[in-house]
Amino acid sequence: MKPYVENLTSQWMSKGICNDDNRSLFYSLYISDQRAAVKICQECPIINECLEYAIKNNEIGVWGGTTEKQRKRLRNTNSK
C-alpha cells in the first residue's frame, strides 16, 4: 500500500505525524478513536496548517486536532 501522502498535493502534509500512525483513527465514527486521533495531532508540528486546510476544504474526519463538529463550530463562529 502506498503512503497516504503520495496522494496529496501539499508538501507540508508529508510532515504530519499522522502519516506514521493508524490513519483509520482519523476517519472513524467512534468517539474513542477520534479522541485518540486528536491526541496524536497535539504532538504534530503542522497542526495549524492542517487545521486551516481542513476548515477551508470542509474535510471529513480529524484534522488539525479537531473533529468535524468542532470545525463546523469554528466556521460558524468566524462567519458571524
PDB file of N, CA and C in Angstrom:
ATOM      1  N   MET A   1       0.842  -1.188   0.000  1.00  0.00           N
ATOM      2  CA  MET A   1       0.000   0.000   0.000  1.00  0.00           C
ATOM      3  C   MET A   1       0.883   1.245   0.000  1.00  0.00           C
ATOM      4  N   LYS A   2       0.576   2.201  -0.863  1.00  0.00           N
ATOM      5  CA  LYS A   2       1.358   3.424  -0.943  1.00  0.00           C
ATOM      6  C   LYS A   2       1.034   4.348   0.228  1.00  0.00           C
ATOM      7  N   PRO A   3       2.018   5.093   0.686  1.00  0.00           N
ATOM      8  CA  PRO A   3       1.759   6.047   1.766  1.00  0.00           C
ATOM      9  C   PRO A   3       0.715   7.070   1.345  1.00  0.00           C
ATOM     10  N   TYR A   4      -0.104   7.461   2.289  1.00  0.00           N
ATOM     11  CA  TYR A   4      -1.177   8.427   2.072  1.00  0.00           C
ATOM     12  C   TYR A   4      -0.662   9.716   1.442  1.00  0.00           C
ATOM     13  N   VAL A   5       0.486  10.184   1.900  1.00  0.00           N
ATOM     14  CA  VAL A   5       0.985  11.485   1.440  1.00  0.00           C
ATOM     15  C   VAL A   5       1.340  11.502  -0.040  1.00  0.00           C
ATOM     16  N   GLU A   6       1.528  10.380  -0.650  1.00  0.00           N
ATOM     17  CA  GLU A   6       1.825  10.362  -2.086  1.00  0.00           C
ATOM     18  C   GLU A   6       0.640  10.867  -2.895  1.00  0.00           C
ATOM     19  N   ASN A   7      -0.546  10.794  -2.317  1.00  0.00           N
ATOM     20  CA  ASN A   7      -1.750  11.226  -3.000  1.00  0.00           C
ATOM     21  C   ASN A   7      -2.083  12.684  -2.729  1.00  0.00           C
ATOM     22  N   LEU A   8      -1.335  13.358  -1.910  1.00  0.00           N
ATOM     23  CA  LEU A   8      -1.638  14.724  -1.518  1.00  0.00           C
ATOM     24  C   LEU A   8      -0.810  15.720  -2.307  1.00  0.00           C
ATOM     25  N   THR A   9      -1.370  16.903  -2.478  1.00  0.00           N
ATOM     26  CA  THR A   9      -0.699  17.897  -3.293  1.00  0.00           C
ATOM     27  C   THR A   9       0.149  18.863  -2.483  1.00  0.00           C
ATOM     28  N   SER A  10      -0.096  19.010  -1.215  1.00  0.00           N
ATOM     29  CA  SER A  10       0.637  19.975  -0.390  1.00  0.00           C
ATOM     30  C   SER A  10       1.816  19.307   0.300  1.00  0.00           C
ATOM     31  N   GLN A  11       2.995  19.879   0.101  1.00  0.00           N
ATOM     32  CA  GLN A  11       4.211  19.303   0.683  1.00  0.00           C
ATOM     33  C   GLN A  11       4.176  19.269   2.208  1.00  0.00           C
ATOM     34  N   TRP A  12       3.553  20.261   2.837  1.00  0.00           N
ATOM     35  CA  TRP A  12       3.523  20.291   4.301  1.00  0.00           C
ATOM     36  C   TRP A  12       2.849  19.052   4.874  1.00  0.00           C
ATOM     37  N   MET A  13       1.944  18.458   4.131  1.00  0.00           N
ATOM     38  CA  MET A  13       1.219  17.288   4.628  1.00  0.00           C
ATOM     39  C   MET A  13       2.143  16.104   4.891  1.00  0.00           C
ATOM     40  N   SER A  14       3.221  16.018   4.152  1.00  0.00           N
ATOM     41  CA  SER A  14       4.141  14.893   4.346  1.00  0.00           C
ATOM     42  C   SER A  14       4.852  14.957   5.692  1.00  0.00           C
ATOM     43  N   LYS A  15       4.797  16.123   6.355  1.00  0.00           N
ATOM     44  CA  LYS A  15       5.438  16.291   7.657  1.00  0.00           C
ATOM     45  C   LYS A  15       4.523  15.930   8.822  1.00  0.00           C
ATOM     46  N   GLY A  16       3.285  15.587   8.533  1.00  0.00           N
ATOM     47  CA  GLY A  16       2.332  15.242   9.585  1.00  0.00           C
ATOM     48  C   GLY A  16       2.649  13.909  10.233  1.00  0.00           C
ATOM     49  N   ILE A  17       2.557  13.848  11.540  1.00  0.00           N
ATOM     50  CA  ILE A  17       2.844  12.584  12.216  1.00  0.00           C
ATOM     51  C   ILE A  17       1.726  11.571  12.022  1.00  0.00           C
ATOM     52  N   CYS A  18       0.605  12.009  11.512  1.00  0.00           N
ATOM     53  CA  CYS A  18      -0.482  11.069  11.226  1.00  0.00           C
ATOM     54  C   CYS A  18      -0.095  10.093  10.124  1.00  0.00           C
ATOM     55  N   ASN A  19       0.907  10.428   9.357  1.00  0.00           N
ATOM     56  CA  ASN A  19       1.375   9.533   8.302  1.00  0.00           C
ATOM     57  C   ASN A  19       2.069   8.300   8.862  1.00  0.00           C
ATOM     58  N   ASP A  20       2.447   8.365  10.130  1.00  0.00           N
ATOM     59  CA  ASP A  20       3.123   7.235  10.767  1.00  0.00           C
ATOM     60  C   ASP A  20       2.182   6.396  11.622  1.00  0.00           C
ATOM     61  N   ASP A  21       0.960   6.868  11.795  1.00  0.00           N
ATOM     62  CA  ASP A  21       0.010   6.196  12.680  1.00  0.00           C
ATOM     63  C   ASP A  21      -1.110   5.536  11.884  1.00  0.00           C
ATOM     64  N   ASN A  22      -2.001   4.895  12.594  1.00  0.00           N
ATOM     65  CA  ASN A  22      -3.147   4.232  12.006  1.00  0.00           C
ATOM     66  C   ASN A  22      -4.128   5.293  11.495  1.00  0.00           C
ATOM     67  N   ARG A  23      -4.136   5.543  10.213  1.00  0.00           N
ATOM     68  CA  ARG A  23      -4.981   6.604   9.641  1.00  0.00           C
ATOM     69  C   ARG A  23      -6.463   6.348   9.813  1.00  0.00           C
ATOM     70  N   SER A  24      -6.863   5.124  10.024  1.00  0.00           N
ATOM     71  CA  SER A  24      -8.286   4.853  10.194  1.00  0.00           C
ATOM     72  C   SER A  24      -8.842   5.553  11.430  1.00  0.00           C
ATOM     73  N   LEU A  25      -7.991   5.809  12.421  1.00  0.00           N
ATOM     74  CA  LEU A  25      -8.436   6.555  13.610  1.00  0.00           C
ATOM     75  C   LEU A  25      -8.961   7.932  13.224  1.00  0.00           C
ATOM     76  N   PHE A  26      -8.354   8.547  12.236  1.00  0.00           N
ATOM     77  CA  PHE A  26      -8.672   9.914  11.848  1.00  0.00           C
ATOM     78  C   PHE A  26      -9.992  10.021  11.088  1.00  0.00           C
ATOM     79  N   TYR A  27     -10.534   8.890  10.666  1.00  0.00           N
ATOM     80  CA  TYR A  27     -11.797   8.889   9.917  1.00  0.00           C
ATOM     81  C   TYR A  27     -12.863   8.020  10.573  1.00  0.00           C
ATOM     82  N   SER A  28     -12.612   7.603  11.779  1.00  0.00           N
ATOM     83  CA  SER A  28     -13.539   6.736  12.496  1.00  0.00           C
ATOM     84  C   SER A  28     -14.739   7.522  13.031  1.00  0.00           C
ATOM     85  N   LEU A  29     -15.864   6.848  13.127  1.00  0.00           N
ATOM     86  CA  LEU A  29     -17.057   7.444  13.721  1.00  0.00           C
ATOM     87  C   LEU A  29     -17.091   7.246  15.236  1.00  0.00           C
ATOM     88  N   TYR A  30     -16.193   6.424  15.759  1.00  0.00           N
ATOM     89  CA  TYR A  30     -16.157   6.152  17.188  1.00  0.00           C
ATOM     90  C   TYR A  30     -15.466   7.284  17.938  1.00  0.00           C
ATOM     91  N   ILE A  31     -16.112   7.758  18.978  1.00  0.00           N
ATOM     92  CA  ILE A  31     -15.587   8.863  19.785  1.00  0.00           C
ATOM     93  C   ILE A  31     -14.213   8.517  20.353  1.00  0.00           C
ATOM     94  N   SER A  32     -14.036   7.293  20.807  1.00  0.00           N
ATOM     95  CA  SER A  32     -12.746   6.897  21.394  1.00  0.00           C
ATOM     96  C   SER A  32     -11.625   6.984  20.358  1.00  0.00           C
ATOM     97  N   ASP A  33     -11.900   6.610  19.123  1.00  0.00           N
ATOM     98  CA  ASP A  33     -10.906   6.717  18.053  1.00  0.00           C
ATOM     99  C   ASP A  33     -10.619   8.183  17.730  1.00  0.00           C
ATOM    100  N   GLN A  34     -11.662   8.999  17.694  1.00  0.00           N
ATOM    101  CA  GLN A  34     -11.484  10.424  17.413  1.00  0.00           C
ATOM    102  C   GLN A  34     -10.636  11.081  18.497  1.00  0.00           C
ATOM    103  N   ARG A  35     -10.887  10.727  19.734  1.00  0.00           N
ATOM    104  CA  ARG A  35     -10.070  11.275  20.831  1.00  0.00           C
ATOM    105  C   ARG A  35      -8.615  10.855  20.689  1.00  0.00           C
ATOM    106  N   ALA A  36      -8.382   9.618  20.311  1.00  0.00           N
ATOM    107  CA  ALA A  36      -7.011   9.136  20.109  1.00  0.00           C
ATOM    108  C   ALA A  36      -6.339   9.907  18.970  1.00  0.00           C
ATOM    109  N   ALA A  37      -7.087  10.170  17.901  1.00  0.00           N
ATOM    110  CA  ALA A  37      -6.537  10.925  16.772  1.00  0.00           C
ATOM    111  C   ALA A  37      -6.207  12.357  17.183  1.00  0.00           C
ATOM    112  N   VAL A  38      -7.095  12.984  17.932  1.00  0.00           N
ATOM    113  CA  VAL A  38      -6.859  14.358  18.404  1.00  0.00           C
ATOM    114  C   VAL A  38      -5.607  14.399  19.274  1.00  0.00           C
ATOM    115  N   LYS A  39      -5.420  13.385  20.083  1.00  0.00           N
ATOM    116  CA  LYS A  39      -4.231  13.321  20.944  1.00  0.00           C
ATOM    117  C   LYS A  39      -2.958  13.221  20.104  1.00  0.00           C
ATOM    118  N   ILE A  40      -3.000  12.462  19.043  1.00  0.00           N
ATOM    119  CA  ILE A  40      -1.855  12.362  18.134  1.00  0.00           C
ATOM    120  C   ILE A  40      -1.574  13.723  17.523  1.00  0.00           C
ATOM    121  N   CYS A  41      -2.623  14.409  17.116  1.00  0.00           N
ATOM    122  CA  CYS A  41      -2.473  15.737  16.499  1.00  0.00           C
ATOM    123  C   CYS A  41      -1.775  16.729  17.423  1.00  0.00           C
ATOM    124  N   GLN A  42      -1.994  16.624  18.704  1.00  0.00           N
ATOM    125  CA  GLN A  42      -1.429  17.581  19.653  1.00  0.00           C
ATOM    126  C   GLN A  42       0.097  17.577  19.636  1.00  0.00           C
ATOM    127  N   GLU A  43       0.697  16.511  19.154  1.00  0.00           N
ATOM    128  CA  GLU A  43       2.157  16.399  19.079  1.00  0.00           C
ATOM    129  C   GLU A  43       2.697  16.763  17.701  1.00  0.00           C
ATOM    130  N   CYS A  44       1.822  17.115  16.779  1.00  0.00           N
ATOM    131  CA  CYS A  44       2.221  17.310  15.388  1.00  0.00           C
ATOM    132  C   CYS A  44       2.748  18.723  15.123  1.00  0.00           C
ATOM    133  N   PRO A  45       3.847  18.833  14.389  1.00  0.00           N
ATOM    134  CA  PRO A  45       4.424  20.147  14.095  1.00  0.00           C
ATOM    135  C   PRO A  45       3.617  20.968  13.081  1.00  0.00           C
ATOM    136  N   ILE A  46       2.678  20.353  12.377  1.00  0.00           N
ATOM    137  CA  ILE A  46       1.915  21.096  11.369  1.00  0.00           C
ATOM    138  C   ILE A  46       0.439  21.211  11.730  1.00  0.00           C
ATOM    139  N   ILE A  47       0.126  21.147  12.993  1.00  0.00           N
ATOM    140  CA  ILE A  47      -1.271  21.169  13.432  1.00  0.00           C
ATOM    141  C   ILE A  47      -2.015  22.408  12.926  1.00  0.00           C
ATOM    142  N   ASN A  48      -1.372  23.560  12.933  1.00  0.00           N
ATOM    143  CA  ASN A  48      -2.040  24.794  12.492  1.00  0.00           C
ATOM    144  C   ASN A  48      -2.333  24.788  10.998  1.00  0.00           C
ATOM    145  N   GLU A  49      -1.371  24.364  10.191  1.00  0.00           N
ATOM    146  CA  GLU A  49      -1.572  24.277   8.757  1.00  0.00           C
ATOM    147  C   GLU A  49      -2.684  23.281   8.423  1.00  0.00           C
ATOM    148  N   CYS A  50      -2.670  22.191   9.150  1.00  0.00           N
ATOM    149  CA  CYS A  50      -3.653  21.134   8.954  1.00  0.00           C
ATOM    150  C   CYS A  50      -5.062  21.639   9.280  1.00  0.00           C
ATOM    151  N   LEU A  51      -5.199  22.334  10.382  1.00  0.00           N
ATOM    152  CA  LEU A  51      -6.494  22.876  10.775  1.00  0.00           C
ATOM    153  C   LEU A  51      -6.993  23.887   9.746  1.00  0.00           C
ATOM    154  N   GLU A  52      -6.139  24.763   9.324  1.00  0.00           N
ATOM    155  CA  GLU A  52      -6.514  25.769   8.323  1.00  0.00           C
ATOM    156  C   GLU A  52      -6.978  25.103   7.031  1.00  0.00           C
ATOM    157  N   TYR A  53      -6.232  24.095   6.592  1.00  0.00           N
ATOM    158  CA  TYR A  53      -6.593  23.358   5.386  1.00  0.00           C
ATOM    159  C   TYR A  53      -7.955  22.689   5.535  1.00  0.00           C
ATOM    160  N   ALA A  54      -8.178  22.047   6.659  1.00  0.00           N
ATOM    161  CA  ALA A  54      -9.435  21.325   6.890  1.00  0.00           C
ATOM    162  C   ALA A  54     -10.623  22.269   6.911  1.00  0.00           C
ATOM    163  N   ILE A  55     -10.452  23.436   7.514  1.00  0.00           N
ATOM    164  CA  ILE A  55     -11.538  24.412   7.548  1.00  0.00           C
ATOM    165  C   ILE A  55     -11.855  24.905   6.145  1.00  0.00           C
ATOM    166  N   LYS A  56     -10.828  25.252   5.397  1.00  0.00           N
ATOM    167  CA  LYS A  56     -11.024  25.772   4.035  1.00  0.00           C
ATOM    168  C   LYS A  56     -11.640  24.748   3.097  1.00  0.00           C
ATOM    169  N   ASN A  57     -11.328  23.474   3.305  1.00  0.00           N
ATOM    170  CA  ASN A  57     -11.744  22.426   2.372  1.00  0.00           C
ATOM    171  C   ASN A  57     -12.858  21.529   2.891  1.00  0.00           C
ATOM    172  N   ASN A  58     -13.445  21.885   4.025  1.00  0.00           N
ATOM    173  CA  ASN A  58     -14.542  21.095   4.610  1.00  0.00           C
ATOM    174  C   ASN A  58     -14.211  19.604   4.676  1.00  0.00           C
ATOM    175  N   GLU A  59     -13.022  19.311   5.167  1.00  0.00           N
ATOM    176  CA  GLU A  59     -12.570  17.922   5.257  1.00  0.00           C
ATOM    177  C   GLU A  59     -13.407  17.125   6.261  1.00  0.00           C
ATOM    178  N   ILE A  60     -13.451  15.834   6.042  1.00  0.00           N
ATOM    179  CA  ILE A  60     -14.101  14.934   6.980  1.00  0.00           C
ATOM    180  C   ILE A  60     -13.038  14.338   7.889  1.00  0.00           C
ATOM    181  N   GLY A  61     -13.449  13.877   9.055  1.00  0.00           N
ATOM    182  CA  GLY A  61     -12.522  13.239   9.980  1.00  0.00           C
ATOM    183  C   GLY A  61     -11.804  14.234  10.864  1.00  0.00           C
ATOM    184  N   VAL A  62     -10.794  13.756  11.541  1.00  0.00           N
ATOM    185  CA  VAL A  62      -9.987  14.577  12.449  1.00  0.00           C
ATOM    186  C   VAL A  62      -8.841  15.195  11.662  1.00  0.00           C
ATOM    187  N   TRP A  63      -8.747  16.507  11.721  1.00  0.00           N
ATOM    188  CA  TRP A  63      -7.682  17.273  11.072  1.00  0.00           C
ATOM    189  C   TRP A  63      -7.282  18.385  12.023  1.00  0.00           C
ATOM    190  N   GLY A  64      -6.021  18.643  12.148  1.00  0.00           N
ATOM    191  CA  GLY A  64      -5.556  19.767  12.956  1.00  0.00           C
ATOM    192  C   GLY A  64      -6.029  19.708  14.397  1.00  0.00           C
ATOM    193  N   GLY A  65      -6.176  18.523  14.906  1.00  0.00           N
ATOM    194  CA  GLY A  65      -6.585  18.361  16.303  1.00  0.00           C
ATOM    195  C   GLY A  65      -8.048  18.655  16.573  1.00  0.00           C
ATOM    196  N   THR A  66      -8.865  18.653  15.518  1.00  0.00           N
ATOM    197  CA  THR A  66     -10.289  18.932  15.685  1.00  0.00           C
ATOM    198  C   THR A  66     -11.133  17.908  14.942  1.00  0.00           C
ATOM    199  N   THR A  67     -12.341  17.727  15.430  1.00  0.00           N
ATOM    200  CA  THR A  67     -13.312  16.871  14.764  1.00  0.00           C
ATOM    201  C   THR A  67     -14.122  17.711  13.779  1.00  0.00           C
ATOM    202  N   GLU A  68     -14.912  17.050  12.971  1.00  0.00           N
ATOM    203  CA  GLU A  68     -15.767  17.772  12.021  1.00  0.00           C
ATOM    204  C   GLU A  68     -16.706  18.730  12.752  1.00  0.00           C
ATOM    205  N   LYS A  69     -17.298  18.271  13.849  1.00  0.00           N
ATOM    206  CA  LYS A  69     -18.215  19.117  14.623  1.00  0.00           C
ATOM    207  C   LYS A  69     -17.513  20.354  15.153  1.00  0.00           C
ATOM    208  N   GLN A  70     -16.311  20.171  15.649  1.00  0.00           N
ATOM    209  CA  GLN A  70     -15.561  21.307  16.185  1.00  0.00           C
ATOM    210  C   GLN A  70     -15.241  22.319  15.088  1.00  0.00           C
ATOM    211  N   ARG A  71     -14.860  21.832  13.928  1.00  0.00           N
ATOM    212  CA  ARG A  71     -14.556  22.741  12.820  1.00  0.00           C
ATOM    213  C   ARG A  71     -15.805  23.454  12.321  1.00  0.00           C
ATOM    214  N   LYS A  72     -16.927  22.765  12.342  1.00  0.00           N
ATOM    215  CA  LYS A  72     -18.181  23.402  11.941  1.00  0.00           C
ATOM    216  C   LYS A  72     -18.491  24.569  12.883  1.00  0.00           C
ATOM    217  N   ARG A  73     -18.292  24.343  14.174  1.00  0.00           N
ATOM    218  CA  ARG A  73     -18.498  25.431  15.148  1.00  0.00           C
ATOM    219  C   ARG A  73     -17.528  26.582  14.899  1.00  0.00           C
ATOM    220  N   LEU A  74     -16.284  26.260  14.589  1.00  0.00           N
ATOM    221  CA  LEU A  74     -15.291  27.303  14.290  1.00  0.00           C
ATOM    222  C   LEU A  74     -15.700  28.107  13.063  1.00  0.00           C
ATOM    223  N   ARG A  75     -16.152  27.431  12.026  1.00  0.00           N
ATOM    224  CA  ARG A  75     -16.590  28.129  10.819  1.00  0.00           C
ATOM    225  C   ARG A  75     -17.785  29.034  11.119  1.00  0.00           C
ATOM    226  N   ASN A  76     -18.731  28.531  11.896  1.00  0.00           N
ATOM    227  CA  ASN A  76     -19.926  29.314  12.231  1.00  0.00           C
ATOM    228  C   ASN A  76     -19.564  30.528  13.087  1.00  0.00           C
ATOM    229  N   THR A  77     -18.637  30.355  14.010  1.00  0.00           N
ATOM    230  CA  THR A  77     -18.197  31.454  14.865  1.00  0.00           C
ATOM    231  C   THR A  77     -17.481  32.515  14.051  1.00  0.00           C
ATOM    232  N   ASN A  78     -16.640  32.092  13.135  1.00  0.00           N
ATOM    233  CA  ASN A  78     -15.868  33.023  12.317  1.00  0.00           C
ATOM    234  C   ASN A  78     -16.711  33.754  11.272  1.00  0.00           C
ATOM    235  N   SER A  79     -17.846  33.174  10.905  1.00  0.00           N
ATOM    236  CA  SER A  79     -18.673  33.804   9.875  1.00  0.00           C
ATOM    237  C   SER A  79     -19.631  34.852  10.460  1.00  0.00           C
ATOM    238  N   LYS A  80     -19.697  34.941  11.757  1.00  0.00           N
ATOM    239  CA  LYS A  80     -20.605  35.914  12.397  1.00  0.00           C
ATOM    240  C   LYS A  80     -19.975  37.278  12.493  1.00  0.00           C
TER     241      LYS A  80
END
